[in-house]
Protein backbone atom coordinates (compact mmCIF):
# COMPACT_ATOMS: atom_id res chain seq x y z
CA MET A 1 -123.12 9.04 106.11
CA GLN A 2 -121.73 11.52 103.58
CA VAL A 3 -119.47 10.36 100.76
CA ASN A 4 -117.44 12.45 98.33
CA ILE A 5 -115.26 10.86 95.69
CA ASN A 6 -112.16 12.40 94.12
CA LYS A 7 -110.73 10.80 90.98
CA LEU A 8 -106.94 11.05 91.31
CA SER A 9 -106.23 9.05 88.12
CA PRO A 10 -108.13 6.69 85.79
CA VAL A 11 -107.31 3.84 88.21
CA LEU A 12 -107.04 5.59 91.58
CA VAL A 13 -109.82 7.29 93.55
CA GLU A 14 -110.02 8.83 97.01
CA PHE A 15 -113.14 8.60 99.15
CA ASP A 16 -113.93 11.27 101.76
CA VAL A 17 -116.36 9.65 104.19
CA GLU A 18 -118.02 11.34 107.16
CA ILE A 19 -120.12 9.43 109.69
CA GLU A 20 -122.71 11.29 111.72
CA ALA A 21 -122.11 11.99 115.43
CA ASP A 22 -125.12 9.98 116.61
CA ARG A 23 -123.80 6.77 115.07
CA VAL A 24 -120.33 7.42 116.50
CA ARG A 25 -121.82 7.93 119.97
CA THR A 26 -123.93 4.75 119.69
CA GLU A 27 -121.05 2.56 118.54
CA PHE A 28 -118.66 4.04 121.11
CA ASP A 29 -121.12 3.40 123.96
CA LYS A 30 -121.69 -0.20 122.79
CA ALA A 31 -117.95 -0.86 122.77
CA PHE A 32 -117.46 0.91 126.13
CA ASN A 33 -120.19 -1.18 127.78
CA ARG A 34 -118.64 -4.41 126.50
CA VAL A 35 -115.28 -3.42 127.98
CA ALA A 36 -116.83 -2.19 131.26
CA LYS A 37 -118.60 -5.50 131.92
CA GLY A 38 -115.40 -7.52 131.86
CA ALA A 39 -112.85 -4.96 133.00
CA LYS A 40 -110.83 -5.84 136.07
CA VAL A 41 -109.73 -2.68 137.87
CA LYS A 42 -107.82 -2.87 141.13
CA GLY A 43 -109.98 -1.65 144.03
CA PHE A 44 -113.31 -2.21 142.24
CA ARG A 45 -115.57 -5.17 141.70
CA PRO A 46 -115.86 -6.37 138.06
CA GLY A 47 -118.18 -4.05 136.17
CA LYS A 48 -118.34 -1.47 138.98
CA ALA A 49 -115.38 0.79 138.13
CA PRO A 50 -116.32 4.47 137.49
CA ARG A 51 -116.64 5.58 133.89
CA ARG A 52 -113.85 8.17 134.22
CA VAL A 53 -111.46 5.46 135.45
CA LEU A 54 -112.40 3.14 132.61
CA MET A 55 -112.11 5.97 130.09
CA HIS A 56 -108.65 6.79 131.36
CA MET A 57 -107.55 3.16 131.11
CA PHE A 58 -109.34 2.00 127.96
CA GLY A 59 -110.64 5.11 126.17
CA ALA A 60 -107.90 5.34 123.54
CA ARG A 61 -108.13 1.64 122.68
CA ILE A 62 -111.94 1.78 122.45
CA ALA A 63 -111.78 4.84 120.19
CA SER A 64 -109.26 3.13 117.89
CA ASP A 65 -111.31 -0.09 117.72
CA VAL A 66 -114.55 1.78 117.00
CA ALA A 67 -112.82 3.85 114.31
CA GLN A 68 -111.59 0.66 112.57
CA GLN A 69 -115.04 -0.92 112.94
CA LEU A 70 -116.73 2.09 111.33
CA VAL A 71 -114.24 2.08 108.45
CA ASP A 72 -114.79 -1.65 107.87
CA GLU A 73 -118.56 -1.25 107.91
CA THR A 74 -118.95 1.94 105.91
CA PHE A 75 -116.27 1.71 103.23
CA PRO A 76 -117.98 -1.13 101.27
CA GLN A 77 -121.20 0.90 101.42
CA ALA A 78 -119.37 3.99 100.18
CA VAL A 79 -117.93 2.09 97.21
CA SER A 80 -121.22 0.40 96.31
CA GLY A 81 -122.88 3.81 96.05
CA GLN A 82 -120.45 4.92 93.34
CA ASN A 83 -119.94 3.78 89.76
CA VAL A 84 -116.52 2.24 90.45
CA GLN A 85 -115.18 -1.26 91.02
CA ALA A 86 -112.45 -1.43 93.66
CA VAL A 87 -109.65 -3.93 92.99
CA SER A 88 -107.33 -3.27 95.95
CA SER A 89 -107.54 -2.88 99.70
CA PRO A 90 -108.03 0.75 100.73
CA ALA A 91 -105.21 2.86 102.13
CA VAL A 92 -107.03 4.64 104.96
CA GLU A 93 -106.14 7.93 106.62
CA ARG A 94 -108.51 8.54 109.52
CA GLN A 95 -108.92 11.29 112.06
CA LYS A 96 -109.04 10.67 115.79
CA LEU A 97 -112.45 9.42 116.88
CA GLU A 98 -114.20 11.42 119.61
CA ARG A 99 -117.41 10.25 121.24
CA GLY A 100 -120.33 12.45 120.23
CA GLN A 101 -118.53 14.01 117.26
CA ALA A 102 -118.71 13.20 113.58
CA PHE A 103 -115.94 10.87 112.42
CA ALA A 104 -114.26 11.31 109.05
CA TYR A 105 -111.65 9.39 107.07
CA LYS A 106 -110.05 9.31 103.62
CA ALA A 107 -109.57 6.06 101.73
CA ARG A 108 -107.57 5.65 98.54
CA VAL A 109 -108.29 2.59 96.45
CA GLU A 110 -107.43 1.32 92.99
CA VAL A 111 -110.36 0.81 90.63
CA LEU A 112 -110.94 -0.64 87.20
CA PRO A 113 -110.53 1.98 84.48
CA GLU A 114 -113.46 3.04 82.35
CA VAL A 115 -113.02 1.26 79.02
CA GLY A 116 -114.86 2.82 76.10
CA LYS A 117 -115.20 1.36 72.63
CA VAL A 118 -112.35 -1.05 71.94
CA ASP A 119 -110.78 -0.84 68.49
CA PHE A 120 -109.90 -4.31 67.22
CA ASP A 121 -110.53 -4.03 63.49
CA GLY A 122 -107.73 -5.17 61.20
CA LEU A 123 -105.25 -6.42 63.77
CA GLN A 124 -102.34 -8.13 62.03
CA ALA A 125 -100.74 -11.52 62.74
CA LYS A 126 -98.72 -14.22 61.00
CA ARG A 127 -99.75 -17.85 61.28
CA PRO A 128 -96.77 -20.27 61.35
CA ALA A 129 -96.77 -23.25 59.02
CA ALA A 130 -98.45 -26.36 60.38
CA GLU A 131 -97.14 -28.95 57.93
CA ALA A 132 -94.87 -31.66 59.32
CA THR A 133 -91.46 -31.96 57.70
CA GLU A 134 -89.64 -35.22 57.02
CA GLU A 135 -87.08 -34.18 59.61
CA GLN A 136 -89.79 -33.78 62.28
CA ILE A 137 -91.32 -37.15 61.42
CA GLN A 138 -87.91 -38.83 61.56
CA GLU A 139 -87.16 -37.17 64.88
CA GLN A 140 -90.39 -38.58 66.32
CA ILE A 141 -89.61 -42.02 64.88
CA THR A 142 -86.19 -41.88 66.58
CA LYS A 143 -87.82 -41.04 69.92
CA VAL A 144 -90.13 -44.04 69.59
CA GLN A 145 -87.19 -46.19 68.52
CA ARG A 146 -85.20 -45.12 71.60
CA SER A 147 -88.18 -45.85 73.86
CA LEU A 148 -88.10 -49.48 72.64
CA SER A 149 -84.32 -49.82 72.82
CA THR A 150 -82.41 -52.03 75.24
CA LEU A 151 -79.16 -51.51 77.15
CA GLU A 152 -76.58 -54.25 76.86
CA PRO A 153 -73.02 -54.55 78.21
CA ILE A 154 -70.40 -53.97 75.53
CA ALA A 155 -69.22 -57.22 73.94
CA GLU A 156 -65.51 -56.39 74.04
CA ALA A 157 -63.60 -54.16 76.42
CA ARG A 158 -63.14 -50.67 74.97
CA ALA A 159 -63.09 -47.05 76.01
CA ALA A 160 -66.29 -45.12 76.67
CA GLN A 161 -67.63 -43.08 73.76
CA SER A 162 -70.52 -40.75 73.04
CA GLY A 163 -73.83 -42.64 73.06
CA ASP A 164 -72.72 -45.12 75.74
CA VAL A 165 -74.64 -45.41 78.99
CA VAL A 166 -72.10 -45.39 81.81
CA THR A 167 -72.31 -46.15 85.52
CA VAL A 168 -69.92 -44.16 87.71
CA ASP A 169 -69.07 -43.50 91.36
CA PHE A 170 -67.94 -39.98 92.11
CA SER A 171 -66.89 -37.96 95.13
CA VAL A 172 -66.84 -34.17 95.24
CA SER A 173 -64.58 -31.77 97.10
CA ALA A 174 -64.19 -27.99 97.19
CA ASP A 175 -61.15 -26.14 98.53
CA GLY A 176 -59.78 -29.51 99.59
CA LYS A 177 -62.81 -30.32 101.74
CA PRO A 178 -65.13 -33.25 100.90
CA VAL A 179 -68.76 -32.45 100.02
CA PRO A 180 -70.54 -35.75 100.81
CA GLU A 181 -74.03 -34.48 99.92
CA ALA A 182 -72.89 -33.83 96.33
CA SER A 183 -71.25 -37.26 95.91
CA ALA A 184 -72.95 -40.39 94.54
CA LYS A 185 -72.51 -44.08 93.80
CA ASP A 186 -73.77 -46.10 90.83
CA PHE A 187 -74.82 -42.94 88.99
CA GLN A 188 -76.01 -43.77 85.48
CA ALA A 189 -75.98 -41.36 82.54
CA GLU A 190 -75.78 -41.39 78.76
CA LEU A 191 -72.74 -39.70 77.30
CA GLY A 192 -73.70 -37.03 74.81
CA ASP A 193 -77.29 -36.39 75.93
CA GLY A 194 -76.48 -33.38 78.13
CA THR A 195 -77.11 -35.07 81.48
CA LEU A 196 -73.54 -34.65 82.66
CA LEU A 197 -71.59 -31.44 82.91
CA PRO A 198 -69.31 -31.02 79.84
CA ALA A 199 -66.10 -31.24 81.90
CA ILE A 200 -67.23 -34.54 83.51
CA GLU A 201 -68.30 -36.00 80.20
CA GLU A 202 -64.98 -35.05 78.60
CA ALA A 203 -63.10 -36.72 81.47
CA LEU A 204 -65.06 -39.99 81.06
CA ILE A 205 -64.87 -40.33 77.28
CA GLY A 206 -61.85 -42.44 76.42
CA LYS A 207 -61.72 -44.20 79.80
CA LYS A 208 -62.21 -47.95 80.29
CA VAL A 209 -64.08 -49.78 83.05
CA GLY A 210 -62.10 -49.63 86.28
CA GLU A 211 -60.19 -46.50 85.31
CA SER A 212 -60.43 -43.21 87.24
CA ALA A 213 -60.75 -39.63 86.05
CA GLU A 214 -60.84 -36.16 87.53
CA ALA A 215 -62.80 -33.07 86.47
CA SER A 216 -62.84 -29.53 87.86
CA VAL A 217 -66.01 -27.47 87.51
CA ALA A 218 -66.58 -23.81 88.45
CA MET A 219 -69.88 -23.71 90.35
CA PRO A 220 -72.27 -20.73 90.06
CA PRO A 221 -72.81 -18.35 93.01
CA ASN A 222 -76.44 -19.54 93.34
CA HIS A 223 -75.66 -23.27 93.52
CA PRO A 224 -78.12 -24.98 95.94
CA ALA A 225 -75.34 -26.71 97.88
CA PRO A 226 -73.85 -24.09 100.27
CA ALA A 227 -70.44 -25.79 100.22
CA LEU A 228 -70.22 -25.38 96.42
CA LYS A 229 -71.54 -21.84 95.90
CA GLY A 230 -69.08 -19.91 93.75
CA ARG A 231 -66.33 -22.50 94.33
CA THR A 232 -64.43 -24.85 92.08
CA ALA A 233 -65.68 -28.40 92.61
CA VAL A 234 -63.31 -31.29 91.98
CA PHE A 235 -64.99 -34.55 90.86
CA GLU A 236 -63.10 -37.82 91.44
CA LEU A 237 -64.69 -40.32 89.04
CA GLU A 238 -64.51 -44.09 88.78
CA LEU A 239 -65.98 -45.73 85.67
CA LYS A 240 -67.74 -48.95 86.78
CA GLU A 241 -69.72 -50.10 83.73
CA ILE A 242 -70.28 -49.30 80.06
CA LYS A 243 -73.44 -50.28 78.21
CA GLN A 244 -74.50 -49.61 74.65
CA ARG A 245 -78.00 -48.80 73.49
CA ILE A 246 -79.39 -51.36 71.00
CA LEU A 247 -82.06 -49.81 68.78
CA PRO A 248 -84.71 -51.99 67.09
CA ASP A 249 -84.73 -52.14 63.29
CA LEU A 250 -87.08 -49.70 61.57
CA ASP A 251 -89.34 -52.13 59.72
CA ASP A 252 -92.95 -53.32 59.70
CA GLU A 253 -92.37 -55.47 62.79
CA PHE A 254 -91.23 -52.36 64.63
CA ALA A 255 -94.50 -50.61 63.65
CA LYS A 256 -96.51 -53.54 64.99
CA ASP A 257 -94.63 -53.39 68.28
CA VAL A 258 -95.42 -49.68 68.62
CA GLY A 259 -99.18 -50.08 68.18
CA ASP A 260 -102.00 -51.04 65.85
CA TYR A 261 -100.03 -50.43 62.65
CA ALA A 262 -99.52 -52.97 59.90
CA THR A 263 -96.56 -51.26 58.26
CA LEU A 264 -93.86 -48.69 59.00
CA ASP A 265 -95.52 -46.34 56.50
CA GLU A 266 -98.75 -46.49 58.50
CA LEU A 267 -96.85 -45.56 61.66
CA LYS A 268 -95.16 -42.65 59.90
CA ALA A 269 -98.52 -41.42 58.60
CA ALA A 270 -99.99 -41.54 62.11
CA LEU A 271 -97.01 -39.68 63.55
CA LYS A 272 -97.31 -37.07 60.78
CA GLU A 273 -100.96 -36.53 61.71
CA GLN A 274 -100.09 -36.15 65.41
CA ILE A 275 -97.29 -33.69 64.68
CA GLU A 276 -99.47 -31.57 62.41
CA LYS A 277 -102.24 -31.49 65.01
CA GLN A 278 -99.74 -30.19 67.56
CA LEU A 279 -98.31 -27.71 65.04
CA LYS A 280 -101.80 -26.43 64.22
CA GLU A 281 -102.61 -25.89 67.90
CA ALA A 282 -99.26 -24.14 68.40
CA ALA A 283 -99.89 -21.97 65.33
CA GLU A 284 -103.32 -20.90 66.59
CA ASN A 285 -101.83 -20.10 69.99
CA THR A 286 -99.15 -18.01 68.29
CA VAL A 287 -101.78 -16.11 66.31
CA ALA A 288 -103.80 -15.50 69.48
CA GLU A 289 -100.71 -14.19 71.30
CA GLN A 290 -99.89 -11.83 68.43
CA LEU A 291 -103.47 -10.53 68.28
CA VAL A 292 -103.51 -9.89 72.03
CA VAL A 293 -100.27 -7.90 71.78
CA GLU A 294 -101.67 -5.89 68.84
CA LEU A 295 -104.94 -5.32 70.72
CA VAL A 296 -103.05 -3.92 73.70
CA LYS A 297 -100.89 -1.66 71.48
CA LYS A 298 -103.96 -0.29 69.74
CA ASN A 299 -105.85 0.39 72.98
CA PRO A 300 -103.36 1.74 75.57
CA ILE A 301 -105.63 1.89 78.61
CA PRO A 302 -104.18 2.33 82.13
CA VAL A 303 -104.10 -0.68 84.44
CA PRO A 304 -104.26 -0.89 88.26
CA GLY A 305 -100.87 -1.77 89.75
CA SER A 306 -102.46 -4.16 92.25
CA LEU A 307 -103.83 -6.35 89.43
CA VAL A 308 -100.40 -6.41 87.80
CA GLU A 309 -98.86 -7.50 91.11
CA GLN A 310 -101.45 -10.28 91.48
CA GLN A 311 -100.71 -11.52 87.95
CA MET A 312 -96.97 -11.40 88.66
CA LYS A 313 -97.39 -13.56 91.77
CA LEU A 314 -99.40 -16.14 89.82
CA THR A 315 -96.78 -16.26 87.06
CA GLU A 316 -93.88 -16.54 89.50
CA GLN A 317 -95.65 -19.37 91.34
CA GLU A 318 -96.14 -21.22 88.04
CA ILE A 319 -92.47 -20.79 87.09
CA LEU A 320 -91.24 -22.01 90.47
CA ALA A 321 -93.67 -24.97 90.43
CA GLN A 322 -92.42 -25.98 86.96
CA ALA A 323 -88.82 -25.69 88.14
CA ARG A 324 -89.54 -27.94 91.13
CA ALA A 325 -91.30 -30.44 88.85
CA ARG A 326 -88.13 -30.60 86.71
CA GLY A 327 -86.04 -31.15 89.82
CA GLN A 328 -84.35 -27.76 89.55
CA ALA A 329 -83.41 -25.83 92.68
CA THR A 330 -85.62 -22.81 93.43
CA ALA A 331 -84.06 -21.57 96.66
CA GLN A 332 -82.79 -18.43 94.90
CA GLY A 333 -86.30 -17.58 93.67
CA ILE A 334 -86.85 -15.33 90.66
CA GLY A 335 -83.97 -13.22 89.39
CA GLU A 336 -84.35 -9.48 88.73
CA GLU A 337 -84.03 -9.82 84.95
CA LEU A 338 -86.74 -12.49 84.81
CA ARG A 339 -88.94 -10.52 87.24
CA ALA A 340 -88.74 -7.48 84.93
CA ARG A 341 -89.94 -9.61 82.01
CA ILE A 342 -92.71 -11.09 84.16
CA ARG A 343 -93.86 -7.57 85.11
CA SER A 344 -93.98 -6.51 81.47
CA ASP A 345 -95.90 -9.64 80.46
CA SER A 346 -98.26 -9.23 83.43
CA GLU A 347 -99.12 -5.68 82.39
CA VAL A 348 -100.00 -6.96 78.93
CA LYS A 349 -102.14 -9.77 80.36
CA VAL A 350 -104.05 -7.48 82.71
CA ARG A 351 -104.62 -4.84 80.02
CA ALA A 352 -105.72 -7.51 77.54
CA GLY A 353 -108.11 -8.98 80.11
CA LEU A 354 -109.79 -5.61 80.67
CA LEU A 355 -110.08 -4.97 76.92
CA MET A 356 -111.46 -8.44 76.21
CA ALA A 357 -114.00 -8.08 79.02
CA ALA A 358 -115.15 -4.81 77.44
CA ILE A 359 -115.46 -6.51 74.03
CA ALA A 360 -117.45 -9.37 75.56
CA LYS A 361 -119.82 -6.87 77.18
CA ALA A 362 -120.21 -4.85 73.98
CA GLU A 363 -120.84 -8.00 71.94
CA GLY A 364 -123.31 -9.36 74.49
CA ILE A 365 -121.43 -12.63 75.00
CA GLN A 366 -123.09 -14.82 77.62
CA ILE A 367 -121.65 -18.05 79.02
CA GLY A 368 -124.38 -20.48 80.01
CA GLU A 369 -124.50 -24.15 80.96
CA GLU A 370 -124.41 -25.22 77.31
CA GLN A 371 -121.15 -23.34 76.66
CA ILE A 372 -119.64 -24.66 79.90
CA GLU A 373 -120.48 -28.23 78.90
CA GLU A 374 -118.83 -27.68 75.51
CA GLY A 375 -115.76 -26.30 77.28
CA LEU A 376 -115.58 -29.36 79.53
CA LYS A 377 -115.72 -31.66 76.50
CA GLU A 378 -112.90 -29.74 74.80
CA LEU A 379 -110.78 -29.96 77.95
CA ALA A 380 -111.44 -33.69 78.17
CA GLU A 381 -110.32 -34.13 74.56
CA GLN A 382 -107.18 -32.05 75.09
CA THR A 383 -106.15 -33.83 78.29
CA GLY A 384 -107.30 -37.32 77.33
CA LYS A 385 -109.46 -37.54 80.45
CA ASN A 386 -113.02 -38.73 80.85
CA VAL A 387 -115.58 -35.89 80.62
CA ALA A 388 -117.09 -36.89 83.97
CA LYS A 389 -113.67 -36.61 85.62
CA VAL A 390 -113.03 -33.17 84.12
CA ARG A 391 -116.52 -32.06 85.20
CA ALA A 392 -115.75 -33.15 88.76
CA GLU A 393 -112.41 -31.27 88.70
CA TYR A 394 -114.17 -28.04 87.72
CA ARG A 395 -117.06 -28.32 90.16
CA GLY A 396 -115.58 -25.87 92.70
CA LYS A 397 -116.38 -22.16 92.45
CA GLN A 398 -112.84 -21.00 91.71
CA LYS A 399 -112.17 -23.63 89.03
CA ARG A 400 -115.59 -23.00 87.47
CA GLU A 401 -114.91 -19.26 87.26
CA MET A 402 -111.54 -20.08 85.66
CA LEU A 403 -113.27 -22.26 83.06
CA VAL A 404 -115.86 -19.56 82.31
CA GLY A 405 -113.01 -17.07 81.89
CA MET A 406 -111.22 -19.36 79.40
CA ILE A 407 -114.42 -19.91 77.38
CA LEU A 408 -115.15 -16.17 77.34
CA GLU A 409 -111.59 -15.41 76.23
CA ASN A 410 -111.80 -17.94 73.39
CA LYS A 411 -115.08 -16.47 72.15
CA VAL A 412 -113.67 -12.94 72.20
CA LEU A 413 -110.55 -14.15 70.36
CA ASP A 414 -112.80 -15.69 67.69
CA ILE A 415 -114.48 -12.29 67.22
CA ILE A 416 -111.12 -10.49 67.04
CA GLU A 417 -109.65 -13.06 64.65
CA ALA A 418 -112.67 -12.77 62.33
CA LYS A 419 -111.79 -9.09 61.79
CA ALA A 420 -108.02 -9.56 61.77
CA LYS A 421 -105.60 -9.66 58.84
CA ILE A 422 -103.76 -12.95 59.24
CA GLU A 423 -100.97 -13.93 56.89
CA ASP A 424 -100.14 -17.63 56.55
CA ALA A 425 -96.44 -18.49 56.54
């Protein structure tokens, strides 16, 4: 087998492969004999049809199958003999295979670029503040207070107001036609928390139990309900119940109800610590993101398009999965504007991954069992899971490779950050 390689770009190469005539003849004859043994030809017993008849009937198919077989067998060998790492399936242009003649084909494939010395000295970043404000602490206290609140019917009949939790029946129509699948009974929502559409909320505020209201809402063209796409929906509302949220008093007893805290000040101190831990993690993530962007700007290496496409698919799948988890419709998929941003971000991620891999190699970073165990412990701490459970989750090959990649990335980021110029906000 003869192999010549032509570098078309830093990430695209073309292989010219020629397979000797003897091998072509051998493989063709093997394939022909397999077909001949089972071929059913009218007028001949199985396996007894003349070769010329079989060649006329099956020759072209055999030649095509043998050509594909030879490409499948020889292309990996051709790549392994060169100093390149293919990252895409080859685009093959092959000549017609003839028994007893050499067979040649061209194969274009994307490869990883050659990454020389990576410059990461003096990258700049700003670290956000990680000190909890009184406003943040109070906001967290309010969330805890709401979680311990109760809903009680209003003592005296009055109109609904912001902050009330209302129960309503509503029916929906569009262009005068009912839309039963969009209607509901005993629907409960809190006025003012953004659950209801503004027009519906405005129609309900000021109404008393037993009263009706109507609201018209222009629906978007991508609404999941076909009957409402791009139409004006009319909501017929009936207010059935009004409840008010009763919040517990913010005192030492409240702190004891929340957890193992003797006083309200102890609870606030604990919440402050939690908030600042989260802020610190967010600040470090922000610094890492800035350093990665600066690293990519400073080292503009080319990236294979196939890797960018793979990263895009992963990102889109994550976005759609998160949307489904939030109960949002995903039938319309990813819009063009968002897809453009995803492509840009994916290019940065792929380029950063190649650069960080080069840094890891240059720095001689090795990830062994000790580092993996440390990574598992960190994951357990972050997720609040038992270490044994996390270890079991990452036992599979794919998950283990993912973990090794995360550990390697963190170690490279530590090296980059040590040489970076980071300004604290």
